[in-house]
C-alpha atoms as a PDB file:
ATOM      1  CA  MET A   1      -5.151 -40.926  19.661  1.00  0.00           C
ATOM      2  CA  ASP A   2      -5.190 -37.653  17.753  1.00  0.00           C
ATOM      3  CA  PRO A   3      -3.443 -37.702  14.375  1.00  0.00           C
ATOM      4  CA  PRO A   4      -0.080 -35.933  14.265  1.00  0.00           C
ATOM      5  CA  PRO A   5      -0.241 -32.331  13.040  1.00  0.00           C
ATOM      6  CA  THR A   6       0.715 -31.744   9.450  1.00  0.00           C
ATOM      7  CA  LEU A   7       3.015 -29.043   8.166  1.00  0.00           C
ATOM      8  CA  MET A   8       1.347 -26.095   6.507  1.00  0.00           C
ATOM      9  CA  PRO A   9       1.817 -26.157   2.744  1.00  0.00           C
ATOM     10  CA  THR A  10       4.751 -24.075   1.577  1.00  0.00           C
ATOM     11  CA  PRO A  11       3.587 -21.386  -0.862  1.00  0.00           C
ATOM     12  CA  ALA A  12       6.724 -21.605  -3.019  1.00  0.00           C
ATOM     13  CA  HIS A  13       8.652 -24.731  -3.977  1.00  0.00           C
ATOM     14  CA  LEU A  14      12.389 -24.791  -3.335  1.00  0.00           C
ATOM     15  CA  PRO A  15      15.016 -26.260  -5.643  1.00  0.00           C
ATOM     16  CA  PHE A  16      16.663 -29.370  -4.198  1.00  0.00           C
ATOM     17  CA  GLU A  17      19.951 -27.615  -3.385  1.00  0.00           C
ATOM     18  CA  ALA A  18      18.219 -24.698  -1.694  1.00  0.00           C
ATOM     19  CA  LEU A  19      16.064 -26.977   0.461  1.00  0.00           C
ATOM     20  CA  TYR A  20      19.047 -29.183   1.313  1.00  0.00           C
ATOM     21  CA  SER A  21      21.104 -26.122   2.290  1.00  0.00           C
ATOM     22  CA  ALA A  22      18.305 -24.742   4.493  1.00  0.00           C
ATOM     23  CA  LEU A  23      17.707 -28.055   6.256  1.00  0.00           C
ATOM     24  CA  LYS A  24      21.424 -28.583   6.764  1.00  0.00           C
ATOM     25  CA  ALA A  25      21.813 -25.104   8.255  1.00  0.00           C
ATOM     26  CA  ALA A  26      18.886 -25.592  10.653  1.00  0.00           C
ATOM     27  CA  ALA A  27      19.907 -29.122  11.681  1.00  0.00           C
ATOM     28  CA  GLU A  28      22.270 -28.025  14.452  1.00  0.00           C
ATOM     29  CA  GLY A  29      21.364 -27.319  18.061  1.00  0.00           C
ATOM     30  CA  THR A  30      22.633 -23.781  18.448  1.00  0.00           C
ATOM     31  CA  ARG A  31      21.356 -22.697  15.059  1.00  0.00           C
ATOM     32  CA  LEU A  32      17.880 -24.066  15.792  1.00  0.00           C
ATOM     33  CA  ARG A  33      17.909 -22.169  19.101  1.00  0.00           C
ATOM     34  CA  ILE A  34      18.920 -19.006  17.186  1.00  0.00           C
ATOM     35  CA  LEU A  35      15.986 -19.454  14.812  1.00  0.00           C
ATOM     36  CA  ALA A  36      13.625 -19.820  17.770  1.00  0.00           C
ATOM     37  CA  LEU A  37      14.989 -16.627  19.352  1.00  0.00           C
ATOM     38  CA  LEU A  38      14.772 -14.657  16.113  1.00  0.00           C
ATOM     39  CA  GLY A  39      11.171 -15.782  15.891  1.00  0.00           C
ATOM     40  CA  GLU A  40      10.661 -13.737  19.074  1.00  0.00           C
ATOM     41  CA  ALA A  41      12.709 -10.608  18.303  1.00  0.00           C
ATOM     42  CA  GLU A  42      15.364  -8.970  16.144  1.00  0.00           C
ATOM     43  CA  LEU A  43      18.707  -9.464  17.877  1.00  0.00           C
ATOM     44  CA  THR A  44      22.365  -8.514  17.582  1.00  0.00           C
ATOM     45  CA  VAL A  45      25.360 -10.811  17.856  1.00  0.00           C
ATOM     46  CA  SER A  46      25.957  -9.398  21.332  1.00  0.00           C
ATOM     47  CA  ASP A  47      22.368 -10.185  22.336  1.00  0.00           C
ATOM     48  CA  LEU A  48      22.710 -13.781  21.141  1.00  0.00           C
ATOM     49  CA  THR A  49      26.101 -14.142  22.816  1.00  0.00           C
ATOM     50  CA  ALA A  50      24.562 -13.089  26.145  1.00  0.00           C
ATOM     51  CA  ILE A  51      21.562 -15.391  25.735  1.00  0.00           C
ATOM     52  CA  LEU A  52      23.314 -18.499  24.430  1.00  0.00           C
ATOM     53  CA  ARG A  53      26.504 -18.057  26.513  1.00  0.00           C
ATOM     54  CA  GLN A  54      28.751 -18.783  23.545  1.00  0.00           C
ATOM     55  CA  SER A  55      31.630 -16.833  22.055  1.00  0.00           C
ATOM     56  CA  GLN A  56      31.006 -14.051  19.572  1.00  0.00           C
ATOM     57  CA  PRO A  57      33.004 -15.726  16.752  1.00  0.00           C
ATOM     58  CA  ARG A  58      30.968 -18.913  17.158  1.00  0.00           C
ATOM     59  CA  ILE A  59      27.654 -17.058  17.132  1.00  0.00           C
ATOM     60  CA  SER A  60      28.767 -15.050  14.100  1.00  0.00           C
ATOM     61  CA  ARG A  61      29.636 -18.254  12.238  1.00  0.00           C
ATOM     62  CA  HIS A  62      26.226 -19.783  12.997  1.00  0.00           C
ATOM     63  CA  LEU A  63      24.495 -16.620  11.805  1.00  0.00           C
ATOM     64  CA  ARG A  64      26.529 -16.567   8.603  1.00  0.00           C
ATOM     65  CA  LEU A  65      25.487 -20.131   7.799  1.00  0.00           C
ATOM     66  CA  LEU A  66      21.828 -19.361   8.497  1.00  0.00           C
ATOM     67  CA  ALA A  67      21.994 -16.245   6.340  1.00  0.00           C
ATOM     68  CA  GLU A  68      23.683 -18.082   3.459  1.00  0.00           C
ATOM     69  CA  ALA A  69      20.865 -20.645   3.577  1.00  0.00           C
ATOM     70  CA  GLY A  70      18.234 -17.889   3.345  1.00  0.00           C
ATOM     71  CA  LEU A  71      16.794 -18.537   6.806  1.00  0.00           C
ATOM     72  CA  VAL A  72      17.788 -15.218   8.400  1.00  0.00           C
ATOM     73  CA  GLU A  73      18.578 -11.692   7.211  1.00  0.00           C
ATOM     74  CA  ARG A  74      21.167  -9.207   8.435  1.00  0.00           C
ATOM     75  CA  PHE A  75      20.826  -5.420   8.392  1.00  0.00           C
ATOM     76  CA  ARG A  76      23.016  -2.665   9.784  1.00  0.00           C
ATOM     77  CA  GLU A  77      22.182   0.261  12.052  1.00  0.00           C
ATOM     78  CA  GLY A  78      25.245   2.437  12.440  1.00  0.00           C
ATOM     79  CA  SER A  79      27.942   0.247  13.930  1.00  0.00           C
ATOM     80  CA  TRP A  80      25.428  -2.436  14.966  1.00  0.00           C
ATOM     81  CA  ALA A  81      24.160  -5.362  12.923  1.00  0.00           C
ATOM     82  CA  PHE A  82      20.734  -6.853  13.642  1.00  0.00           C
ATOM     83  CA  PHE A  83      19.436 -10.253  12.559  1.00  0.00           C
ATOM     84  CA  ARG A  84      15.862 -11.357  11.972  1.00  0.00           C
ATOM     85  CA  LEU A  85      14.048 -14.253  10.314  1.00  0.00           C
ATOM     86  CA  ALA A  86      14.069 -13.900   6.541  1.00  0.00           C
ATOM     87  CA  GLU A  87      10.910 -12.394   5.063  1.00  0.00           C
ATOM     88  CA  ARG A  88      11.114 -13.673   1.483  1.00  0.00           C
ATOM     89  CA  GLU A  89       9.225 -16.756   0.355  1.00  0.00           C
ATOM     90  CA  GLY A  90      10.922 -20.153   0.272  1.00  0.00           C
ATOM     91  CA  ALA A  91      13.452 -20.890   2.987  1.00  0.00           C
ATOM     92  CA  ALA A  92      11.852 -18.202   5.175  1.00  0.00           C
ATOM     93  CA  ASN A  93       8.629 -20.214   5.268  1.00  0.00           C
ATOM     94  CA  LEU A  94      10.599 -23.306   6.227  1.00  0.00           C
ATOM     95  CA  ALA A  95      12.188 -21.443   9.151  1.00  0.00           C
ATOM     96  CA  ARG A  96       8.786 -20.451  10.502  1.00  0.00           C
ATOM     97  CA  GLU A  97       7.399 -23.959  10.114  1.00  0.00           C
ATOM     98  CA  LEU A  98      10.338 -25.412  12.026  1.00  0.00           C
ATOM     99  CA  ILE A  99       9.847 -22.906  14.847  1.00  0.00           C
ATOM    100  CA  ALA A 100       6.144 -23.706  15.008  1.00  0.00           C
ATOM    101  CA  ARG A 101       7.037 -27.377  15.543  1.00  0.00           C
ATOM    102  CA  LEU A 102       9.193 -26.678  18.615  1.00  0.00           C
ATOM    103  CA  ASP A 103       7.781 -27.477  22.056  1.00  0.00           C
ATOM    104  CA  PRO A 104       7.455 -24.094  23.809  1.00  0.00           C
ATOM    105  CA  ASP A 105       7.902 -25.802  27.187  1.00  0.00           C
ATOM    106  CA  ASP A 106      11.243 -27.341  26.258  1.00  0.00           C
ATOM    107  CA  VAL A 107      13.756 -26.670  29.073  1.00  0.00           C
ATOM    108  CA  THR A 108      16.467 -25.298  26.801  1.00  0.00           C
ATOM    109  CA  LEU A 109      14.116 -23.011  24.895  1.00  0.00           C
ATOM    110  CA  SER A 110      12.488 -21.808  28.118  1.00  0.00           C
ATOM    111  CA  ARG A 111      15.894 -20.859  29.508  1.00  0.00           C
ATOM    112  CA  ASP A 112      16.724 -19.009  26.281  1.00  0.00           C
ATOM    113  CA  ARG A 113      13.471 -17.050  26.524  1.00  0.00           C
ATOM    114  CA  GLU A 114      14.264 -16.104  30.122  1.00  0.00           C
ATOM    115  CA  ARG A 115      17.622 -14.698  29.045  1.00  0.00           C
ATOM    116  CA  LEU A 116      15.932 -12.961  26.113  1.00  0.00           C
ATOM    117  CA  ALA A 117      13.602 -11.309  28.622  1.00  0.00           C
ATOM    118  CA  GLU A 118      16.683 -10.024  30.494  1.00  0.00           C
ATOM    119  CA  VAL A 119      18.113  -8.566  27.284  1.00  0.00           C
ATOM    120  CA  ARG A 120      14.785  -6.906  26.530  1.00  0.00           C
ATOM    121  CA  ALA A 121      14.647  -5.476  30.052  1.00  0.00           C
ATOM    122  CA  GLN A 122      18.092  -3.917  29.564  1.00  0.00           C
ATOM    123  CA  ARG A 123      16.914  -2.385  26.293  1.00  0.00           C
ATOM    124  CA  ALA A 124      13.813  -1.043  28.010  1.00  0.00           C
ATOM    125  CA  ASP A 125      15.894   0.575  30.771  1.00  0.00           C
ATOM    126  CA  ALA A 126      18.109   2.293  28.201  1.00  0.00           C
ATOM    127  CA  ALA A 127      15.072   3.479  26.255  1.00  0.00           C
ATOM    128  CA  GLN A 128      13.386   4.808  29.388  1.00  0.00           C
ATOM    129  CA  ASN A 129      16.525   6.728  30.358  1.00  0.00           C
ATOM    130  CA  TYR A 130      16.542   8.371  26.935  1.00  0.00           C
ATOM    131  CA  PHE A 131      12.838   9.172  27.203  1.00  0.00           C
ATOM    132  CA  ARG A 132      13.268  10.701  30.651  1.00  0.00           C
ATOM    133  CA  ARG A 133      15.995  13.002  29.311  1.00  0.00           C
ATOM    134  CA  HIS A 134      13.712  14.271  26.528  1.00  0.00           C
ATOM    135  CA  ALA A 135      10.227  13.867  27.975  1.00  0.00           C
ATOM    136  CA  ALA A 136       9.882  17.511  29.015  1.00  0.00           C
ATOM    137  CA  GLU A 137      10.618  18.677  25.455  1.00  0.00           C
ATOM    138  CA  TRP A 138       8.137  16.229  23.912  1.00  0.00           C
ATOM    139  CA  ASP A 139       5.412  17.028  26.450  1.00  0.00           C
ATOM    140  CA  ARG A 140       5.774  20.739  25.740  1.00  0.00           C
ATOM    141  CA  ILE A 141       5.254  20.180  21.992  1.00  0.00           C
ATOM    142  CA  ARG A 142       2.344  17.763  22.512  1.00  0.00           C
ATOM    143  CA  LYS A 143       0.462  20.401  24.478  1.00  0.00           C
ATOM    144  CA  LEU A 144       0.679  22.773  21.524  1.00  0.00           C
ATOM    145  CA  HIS A 145      -1.449  20.762  19.106  1.00  0.00           C
ATOM    146  CA  VAL A 146      -4.591  18.680  18.872  1.00  0.00           C
ATOM    147  CA  ALA A 147      -4.872  15.880  21.434  1.00  0.00           C
ATOM    148  CA  ASP A 148      -3.189  12.649  20.336  1.00  0.00           C
ATOM    149  CA  GLU A 149      -6.433  10.728  20.874  1.00  0.00           C
ATOM    150  CA  ALA A 150      -8.254  12.827  18.282  1.00  0.00           C
ATOM    151  CA  VAL A 151      -5.440  12.494  15.736  1.00  0.00           C
ATOM    152  CA  GLU A 152      -5.120   8.744  16.228  1.00  0.00           C
ATOM    153  CA  GLY A 153      -8.878   8.297  15.896  1.00  0.00           C
ATOM    154  CA  ALA A 154      -8.730  10.092  12.542  1.00  0.00           C
ATOM    155  CA  ILE A 155      -5.842   7.868  11.440  1.00  0.00           C
ATOM    156  CA  LEU A 156      -7.794   4.715  12.242  1.00  0.00           C
ATOM    157  CA  ARG A 157     -10.808   6.020  10.345  1.00  0.00           C
ATOM    158  CA  ALA A 158      -8.666   6.880   7.325  1.00  0.00           C
ATOM    159  CA  PHE A 159      -7.663   3.225   6.971  1.00  0.00           C
ATOM    160  CA  SER A 160     -11.031   1.725   7.919  1.00  0.00           C
ATOM    161  CA  ASP A 161     -12.378   1.282   4.383  1.00  0.00           C
ATOM    162  CA  ALA A 162     -10.013  -1.538   3.371  1.00  0.00           C
ATOM    163  CA  PRO A 163      -7.761  -4.033   5.175  1.00  0.00           C
ATOM    164  CA  VAL A 164      -4.009  -3.430   5.421  1.00  0.00           C
ATOM    165  CA  ARG A 165      -1.749  -6.446   5.046  1.00  0.00           C
ATOM    166  CA  ALA A 166       1.657  -4.733   4.912  1.00  0.00           C
ATOM    167  CA  LEU A 167       2.277  -1.320   6.519  1.00  0.00           C
ATOM    168  CA  LEU A 168       5.354   0.907   6.231  1.00  0.00           C
ATOM    169  CA  ASP A 169       5.849   3.653   8.843  1.00  0.00           C
ATOM    170  CA  LEU A 170       8.396   6.253   7.700  1.00  0.00           C
ATOM    171  CA  GLY A 171      10.158   8.176  10.452  1.00  0.00           C
ATOM    172  CA  THR A 172       8.698   5.730  12.942  1.00  0.00           C
ATOM    173  CA  GLY A 173      10.148   7.524  15.980  1.00  0.00           C
ATOM    174  CA  THR A 174       8.887   5.752  19.091  1.00  0.00           C
ATOM    175  CA  GLY A 175       6.940   3.229  16.996  1.00  0.00           C
ATOM    176  CA  ARG A 176       3.555   4.578  18.068  1.00  0.00           C
ATOM    177  CA  MET A 177       1.979   4.214  14.599  1.00  0.00           C
ATOM    178  CA  LEU A 178       3.000   0.545  14.452  1.00  0.00           C
ATOM    179  CA  GLU A 179       1.551   0.039  17.918  1.00  0.00           C
ATOM    180  CA  LEU A 180      -1.690   1.807  16.945  1.00  0.00           C
ATOM    181  CA  LEU A 181      -2.213  -0.029  13.652  1.00  0.00           C
ATOM    182  CA  GLY A 182      -0.413  -3.272  14.526  1.00  0.00           C
ATOM    183  CA  PRO A 183      -3.467  -5.217  15.750  1.00  0.00           C
ATOM    184  CA  GLN A 184      -5.170  -4.896  12.351  1.00  0.00           C
ATOM    185  CA  ILE A 185      -2.260  -5.629   9.978  1.00  0.00           C
ATOM    186  CA  GLN A 186      -0.319  -8.739   8.995  1.00  0.00           C
ATOM    187  CA  ARG A 187       3.142  -7.158   8.779  1.00  0.00           C
ATOM    188  CA  GLY A 188       4.540  -3.796   9.817  1.00  0.00           C
ATOM    189  CA  LEU A 189       7.907  -2.156   9.191  1.00  0.00           C
ATOM    190  CA  GLY A 190       9.135   1.124  10.660  1.00  0.00           C
ATOM    191  CA  LEU A 191      12.129   3.080   9.358  1.00  0.00           C
ATOM    192  CA  ASP A 192      14.050   5.827  11.148  1.00  0.00           C
ATOM    193  CA  LEU A 193      17.547   7.323  10.950  1.00  0.00           C
ATOM    194  CA  SER A 194      17.854   7.754  14.723  1.00  0.00           C
ATOM    195  CA  LEU A 195      19.306   4.792  16.600  1.00  0.00           C
ATOM    196  CA  ASP A 196      17.940   6.186  19.875  1.00  0.00           C
ATOM    197  CA  MET A 197      14.439   6.308  18.419  1.00  0.00           C
ATOM    198  CA  LEU A 198      14.755   2.779  17.076  1.00  0.00           C
ATOM    199  CA  SER A 199      15.629   1.579  20.580  1.00  0.00           C
ATOM    200  CA  LEU A 200      12.498   3.261  21.904  1.00  0.00           C
ATOM    201  CA  ALA A 201      10.409   1.730  19.120  1.00  0.00           C
ATOM    202  CA  ARG A 202      11.717  -1.795  19.743  1.00  0.00           C
ATOM    203  CA  THR A 203      10.878  -1.469  23.417  1.00  0.00           C
ATOM    204  CA  ARG A 204       7.351  -0.298  22.596  1.00  0.00           C
ATOM    205  CA  LEU A 205       6.771  -3.164  20.148  1.00  0.00           C
ATOM    206  CA  ASP A 206       8.181  -5.719  22.605  1.00  0.00           C
ATOM    207  CA  ARG A 207       5.885  -4.438  25.325  1.00  0.00           C
ATOM    208  CA  ALA A 208       2.885  -4.603  23.000  1.00  0.00           C
ATOM    209  CA  GLY A 209       3.745  -8.137  21.863  1.00  0.00           C
ATOM    210  CA  LEU A 210       3.686  -7.115  18.175  1.00  0.00           C
ATOM    211  CA  ARG A 211       6.083  -9.705  16.816  1.00  0.00           C
ATOM    212  CA  HIS A 212       4.829  -9.172  13.261  1.00  0.00           C
ATOM    213  CA  CYS A 213       6.142  -5.595  13.395  1.00  0.00           C
ATOM    214  CA  SER A 214       9.795  -4.598  13.196  1.00  0.00           C
ATOM    215  CA  VAL A 215      11.931  -1.481  12.833  1.00  0.00           C
ATOM    216  CA  ARG A 216      15.239  -0.741  11.183  1.00  0.00           C
ATOM    217  CA  GLN A 217      17.436   2.176  10.241  1.00  0.00           C
ATOM    218  CA  GLY A 218      16.545   3.683   6.886  1.00  0.00           C
ATOM    219  CA  ASP A 219      16.637   6.846   4.787  1.00  0.00           C
ATOM    220  CA  ILE A 220      13.259   8.322   3.867  1.00  0.00           C
ATOM    221  CA  TYR A 221      14.787   9.664   0.649  1.00  0.00           C
ATOM    222  CA  ASP A 222      16.206   6.282  -0.389  1.00  0.00           C
ATOM    223  CA  LEU A 223      14.012   3.469   0.905  1.00  0.00           C
ATOM    224  CA  ALA A 224      15.843   0.583  -0.784  1.00  0.00           C
ATOM    225  CA  LEU A 225      12.622  -1.427  -0.671  1.00  0.00           C
ATOM    226  CA  PRO A 226      10.918  -3.342  -3.496  1.00  0.00           C
ATOM    227  CA  LYS A 227       8.292  -1.545  -5.538  1.00  0.00           C
ATOM    228  CA  ASP A 228       4.671  -2.537  -4.960  1.00  0.00           C
ATOM    229  CA  SER A 229       5.442  -4.008  -1.539  1.00  0.00           C
ATOM    230  CA  PHE A 230       3.091  -2.190   0.894  1.00  0.00           C
ATOM    231  CA  ASP A 231      -0.671  -1.681   1.079  1.00  0.00           C
ATOM    232  CA  ALA A 232      -0.234   1.426   3.217  1.00  0.00           C
ATOM    233  CA  VAL A 233       2.491   3.928   4.103  1.00  0.00           C
ATOM    234  CA  VAL A 234       2.293   6.377   7.018  1.00  0.00           C
ATOM    235  CA  VAL A 235       4.334   9.574   7.335  1.00  0.00           C
ATOM    236  CA  HIS A 236       3.326  10.859  10.761  1.00  0.00           C
ATOM    237  CA  GLN A 237       4.747  14.180  12.020  1.00  0.00           C
ATOM    238  CA  VAL A 238       7.873  13.811   9.888  1.00  0.00           C
ATOM    239  CA  LEU A 239       7.593  16.213   6.922  1.00  0.00           C
ATOM    240  CA  HIS A 240       8.219  19.322   9.004  1.00  0.00           C
ATOM    241  CA  PHE A 241      11.734  18.032   9.770  1.00  0.00           C
ATOM    242  CA  LEU A 242      12.630  17.504   6.110  1.00  0.00           C
ATOM    243  CA  GLU A 243      14.328  19.717   3.550  1.00  0.00           C
ATOM    244  CA  ASP A 244      12.431  18.116   0.656  1.00  0.00           C
ATOM    245  CA  GLY A 245       8.973  16.836   1.557  1.00  0.00           C
ATOM    246  CA  ALA A 246       7.990  16.347  -2.079  1.00  0.00           C
ATOM    247  CA  ARG A 247      10.887  13.977  -2.618  1.00  0.00           C
ATOM    248  CA  ALA A 248       9.943  11.950   0.465  1.00  0.00           C
ATOM    249  CA  ILE A 249       6.349  11.579  -0.727  1.00  0.00           C
ATOM    250  CA  LYS A 250       7.489  10.536  -4.203  1.00  0.00           C
ATOM    251  CA  GLU A 251       9.756   7.876  -2.687  1.00  0.00           C
ATOM    252  CA  ALA A 252       6.945   6.619  -0.445  1.00  0.00           C
ATOM    253  CA  ALA A 253       4.551   6.360  -3.392  1.00  0.00           C
ATOM    254  CA  CYS A 254       6.989   4.077  -5.213  1.00  0.00           C
ATOM    255  CA  VAL A 255       6.552   1.238  -2.713  1.00  0.00           C
ATOM    256  CA  LEU A 256       2.739   1.265  -2.759  1.00  0.00           C
ATOM    257  CA  ARG A 257       0.876  -1.654  -4.280  1.00  0.00           C
ATOM    258  CA  PRO A 258      -1.991  -0.983  -6.725  1.00  0.00           C
ATOM    259  CA  ALA A 259      -4.751   0.843  -4.797  1.00  0.00           C
ATOM    260  CA  GLY A 260      -2.297   1.271  -1.900  1.00  0.00           C
ATOM    261  CA  ARG A 261      -2.696   4.291   0.382  1.00  0.00           C
ATOM    262  CA  LEU A 262      -0.268   6.934   1.639  1.00  0.00           C
ATOM    263  CA  LEU A 263      -1.302   8.822   4.773  1.00  0.00           C
ATOM    264  CA  VAL A 264       0.515  12.020   5.713  1.00  0.00           C
ATOM    265  CA  VAL A 265      -0.139  13.577   9.123  1.00  0.00           C
ATOM    266  CA  ASP A 266       1.487  16.893   9.998  1.00  0.00           C
ATOM    267  CA  PHE A 267       0.960  20.375  11.354  1.00  0.00           C
ATOM    268  CA  ALA A 268      -1.180  22.946   9.611  1.00  0.00           C
ATOM    269  CA  PRO A 269       0.555  26.334   9.103  1.00  0.00           C
ATOM    270  CA  HIS A 270       1.496  28.114  12.346  1.00  0.00           C
ATOM    271  CA  ASP A 271       3.836  30.859  13.572  1.00  0.00           C
ATOM    272  CA  LEU A 272       5.622  29.227  16.532  1.00  0.00           C
ATOM    273  CA  GLU A 273       9.186  30.095  15.502  1.00  0.00           C
ATOM    274  CA  PHE A 274      10.737  28.508  18.594  1.00  0.00           C
ATOM    275  CA  LEU A 275       9.983  25.079  17.089  1.00  0.00           C
ATOM    276  CA  ARG A 276      12.325  25.940  14.230  1.00  0.00           C
ATOM    277  CA  ASP A 277      15.007  27.393  16.475  1.00  0.00           C
ATOM    278  CA  GLU A 278      14.909  24.880  19.344  1.00  0.00           C
ATOM    279  CA  HIS A 279      13.527  21.651  17.821  1.00  0.00           C
ATOM    280  CA  ALA A 280      14.905  21.578  14.277  1.00  0.00           C
ATOM    281  CA  HIS A 281      11.536  22.029  12.557  1.00  0.00           C
ATOM    282  CA  ARG A 282      12.358  22.995   8.954  1.00  0.00           C
ATOM    283  CA  ARG A 283       8.779  23.940   8.114  1.00  0.00           C
ATOM    284  CA  LEU A 284       6.182  25.623  10.294  1.00  0.00           C
ATOM    285  CA  GLY A 285       3.334  23.469   9.050  1.00  0.00           C
ATOM    286  CA  PHE A 286       1.881  22.921   5.585  1.00  0.00           C
ATOM    287  CA  ALA A 287      -0.989  24.443   3.661  1.00  0.00           C
ATOM    288  CA  SER A 288      -3.482  21.863   2.459  1.00  0.00           C
ATOM    289  CA  ASP A 289      -2.658  22.543  -1.197  1.00  0.00           C
ATOM    290  CA  THR A 290       1.074  21.970  -0.646  1.00  0.00           C
ATOM    291  CA  VAL A 291       0.907  18.322   0.350  1.00  0.00           C
ATOM    292  CA  THR A 292      -1.985  17.726  -2.032  1.00  0.00           C
ATOM    293  CA  GLN A 293       0.153  18.883  -4.958  1.00  0.00           C
ATOM    294  CA  TRP A 294       3.087  16.763  -3.789  1.00  0.00           C
ATOM    295  CA  MET A 295       0.852  13.690  -3.751  1.00  0.00           C
ATOM    296  CA  LYS A 296      -0.548  14.428  -7.188  1.00  0.00           C
ATOM    297  CA  ALA A 297       2.951  14.945  -8.568  1.00  0.00           C
ATOM    298  CA  ALA A 298       3.847  11.507  -7.161  1.00  0.00           C
ATOM    299  CA  GLY A 299       0.995   9.997  -9.188  1.00  0.00           C
ATOM    300  CA  LEU A 300      -1.497   9.576  -6.347  1.00  0.00           C
ATOM    301  CA  ASP A 301      -5.183  10.466  -6.193  1.00  0.00           C
ATOM    302  CA  VAL A 302      -5.930  12.539  -3.086  1.00  0.00           C
ATOM    303  CA  VAL A 303      -9.048  11.014  -1.550  1.00  0.00           C
ATOM    304  CA  LEU A 304      -9.029  12.774   1.838  1.00  0.00           C
ATOM    305  CA  GLN A 305      -7.824  16.082   3.248  1.00  0.00           C
ATOM    306  CA  GLN A 306      -8.861  16.886   6.788  1.00  0.00           C
ATOM    307  CA  SER A 307      -7.817  19.464   9.375  1.00  0.00           C
ATOM    308  CA  LEU A 308      -8.272  18.939  13.102  1.00  0.00           C
ATOM    309  CA  PRO A 309      -8.320  22.219  15.102  1.00  0.00           C
ATOM    310  CA  PRO A 310      -7.212  22.292  18.740  1.00  0.00           C
ATOM    311  CA  GLU A 311      -9.916  21.936  21.346  1.00  0.00           C
ATOM    312  CA  PRO A 312     -11.221  25.364  22.476  1.00  0.00           C
ATOM    313  CA  ALA A 313     -10.400  24.815  26.159  1.00  0.00           C
ATOM    314  CA  SER A 314      -6.920  23.354  25.573  1.00  0.00           C
ATOM    315  CA  GLU A 315      -3.471  24.949  25.480  1.00  0.00           C
ATOM    316  CA  GLY A 316      -3.188  23.953  21.837  1.00  0.00           C
ATOM    317  CA  LYS A 317      -2.333  26.491  19.167  1.00  0.00           C
ATOM    318  CA  ILE A 318      -1.634  24.242  16.178  1.00  0.00           C
ATOM    319  CA  ALA A 319      -4.103  22.366  13.994  1.00  0.00           C
ATOM    320  CA  VAL A 320      -3.133  18.946  12.640  1.00  0.00           C
ATOM    321  CA  SER A 321      -3.882  17.989   9.023  1.00  0.00           C
ATOM    322  CA  LEU A 322      -4.267  14.608   7.341  1.00  0.00           C
ATOM    323  CA  TRP A 323      -3.846  13.835   3.654  1.00  0.00           C
ATOM    324  CA  LEU A 324      -4.692  10.426   2.201  1.00  0.00           C
ATOM    325  CA  GLY A 325      -3.463   9.551  -1.271  1.00  0.00           C
ATOM    326  CA  ARG A 326      -4.307   6.404  -3.221  1.00  0.00           C
ATOM    327  CA  ASP A 327      -2.397   4.631  -5.968  1.00  0.00           C
ATOM    328  CA  PRO A 328      -4.686   4.858  -9.021  1.00  0.00           C
ATOM    329  CA  ARG A 329      -3.771   1.457 -10.437  1.00  0.00           C
ATOM    330  CA  LEU A 330      -6.539  -1.125 -10.309  1.00  0.00           C
ATOM    331  CA  VAL A 331      -6.213  -4.337  -8.335  1.00  0.00           C
ATOM    332  CA  ILE A 332      -6.584  -7.223 -10.751  1.00  0.00           C
ATOM    333  CA  ALA A 333      -8.492 -10.033  -9.076  1.00  0.00           C
ATOM    334  CA  ALA A 334      -7.570 -13.633  -9.807  1.00  0.00           C
ATOM    335  CA  PRO A 335     -10.088 -15.288 -12.140  1.00  0.00           C
ATOM    336  CA  VAL A 336     -12.688 -17.522 -10.489  1.00  0.00           C
ATOM    337  CA  LEU A 337     -12.790 -20.985 -12.021  1.00  0.00           C
ATOM    338  CA  GLU A 338     -16.225 -22.532 -12.264  1.00  0.00           C
ATOM    339  CA  VAL A 339     -16.476 -26.280 -11.754  1.00  0.00           C
ATOM    340  CA  ALA A 340     -19.075 -27.948 -13.925  1.00  0.00           C
END
């Protein structure tokens, strides 16, 4: 007989009261089912009510107890509140270990996942309806610049020299950058002010099976994120919508870890005024020196500046530029202990 599996060691010890509170919160049927569902996706109270077939007040009470115990986190998007598994060390690790112990073929959990799939399908339908209403506008703009494949290839190459554990995508839009870089990172977070775009992004991430990536509503000028928390930050086709690009870059630089990288991708200068009039573009592209100076003012070393011109035979009229800045602080390696 094979020996029973052992729990993975918890990186951080918990005080007795904190561990007792977390175990007590998880030791109830509905709350354990909620943890299992949040291990699959970020969900609202309404989502959980539909899946678990329980009243909204009851679900809200269970979520409050889980949040108080540090097992889940709550964040708002407009009038909606989303819940996800906690990301901080301690009780969050316990939640993931408990979920890993659950039998995926359990009848109750299987039924919950089926209902979760229905909720996701409804989200996908809503997202597709939104996309269909705006697809013609987006397709028209995409034809104006360098092919997406060329830009995305350059993005992958920009990050190829060092691994990325934690990635932040500012102005995530449809979540394409998380989808592109998701397979090679440990954790990804996308921020956007638009609730419609966040719905599109969640659908894209669900479809790609990127459960280690999530999105939430956030302000690019006020990230409200811990300093030194990301190895890489991406600002892809966002600056031209902003009043103050320098401020956005300075804010992004604040969350980089030592030797962390900030990649900005945006249009080179152009004269297509209709993009300003019809699509809310504040800036008609950026000279290479402009973004370079913004990065330097934010304390970053600019290690790459590249411009990708449109293909000669294409309809494109706009070049796309990439700027890669690096936090100049050195990474201090842990000392290696020699055993005599």
